[in-house]
Amino acid sequence: MRILTGIQASGKLHIGNYFGAMRPMVELQESGELFTFIANYHSLTTSKD
C-alpha cells in the first residue's frame, strides 16, 4: 500500500505534533510505502518581522 501525506511547516515541533502526526506516520511505515511532503506555501506567503 502507498500512502501520501503532507504536513505544514508553521512552527516548532511540539508534543501534539508528535502524537497527532509524527508517531502515526512512523507506524504507517510498517504497513507500506509512506511518502511525506512539507507544504511550504504557508511559509512562503507569511511575512516575518
Protein backbone atom coordinates (compact mmCIF):
# COMPACT_ATOMS: atom_id res chain seq x y z
CA MET A 1 0.00 0.00 0.00
CA ARG A 2 1.24 3.51 -0.83
CA ILE A 3 0.39 6.42 1.44
CA LEU A 4 0.88 10.12 0.65
CA THR A 5 0.58 12.68 3.42
CA GLY A 6 1.69 16.24 3.96
CA ILE A 7 2.44 18.47 6.90
CA GLN A 8 2.51 22.25 7.13
CA ALA A 9 5.68 23.95 8.31
CA SER A 10 4.05 26.53 10.56
CA GLY A 11 6.02 26.44 13.78
CA LYS A 12 8.15 24.45 16.16
CA LEU A 13 7.56 20.75 16.75
CA HIS A 14 5.62 20.09 19.98
CA ILE A 15 4.10 17.11 21.78
CA GLY A 16 0.78 17.46 19.90
CA ASN A 17 2.63 17.16 16.57
CA TYR A 18 4.38 14.07 17.80
CA PHE A 19 1.28 12.17 18.95
CA GLY A 20 -1.03 13.54 16.25
CA ALA A 21 1.16 13.27 13.15
CA MET A 22 4.71 12.02 13.60
CA ARG A 23 4.04 8.87 15.61
CA PRO A 24 1.22 7.65 13.31
CA MET A 25 3.46 8.26 10.28
CA VAL A 26 6.21 6.12 11.78
CA GLU A 27 3.65 3.35 12.44
CA LEU A 28 2.34 3.59 8.85
CA GLN A 29 5.84 2.94 7.51
CA GLU A 30 5.47 -0.64 8.69
CA SER A 31 2.38 -1.30 6.54
CA GLY A 32 3.58 0.10 3.22
CA GLU A 33 5.36 2.89 1.41
CA LEU A 34 4.92 6.26 3.10
CA PHE A 35 5.59 9.47 1.16
CA THR A 36 5.62 12.64 3.25
CA PHE A 37 5.93 16.19 1.96
CA ILE A 38 6.17 19.56 3.65
CA ALA A 39 3.57 22.01 2.38
CA ASN A 40 5.78 25.08 2.30
CA TYR A 41 3.39 27.54 0.59
CA HIS A 42 2.35 28.88 4.01
CA SER A 43 5.98 29.68 4.80
CA LEU A 44 6.42 31.49 1.50
CA THR A 45 3.35 33.72 1.91
CA THR A 46 3.75 34.67 5.58
CA SER A 47 5.87 37.71 6.35
CA LYS A 48 8.01 37.72 9.47
CA ASP A 49 9.32 40.76 11.26
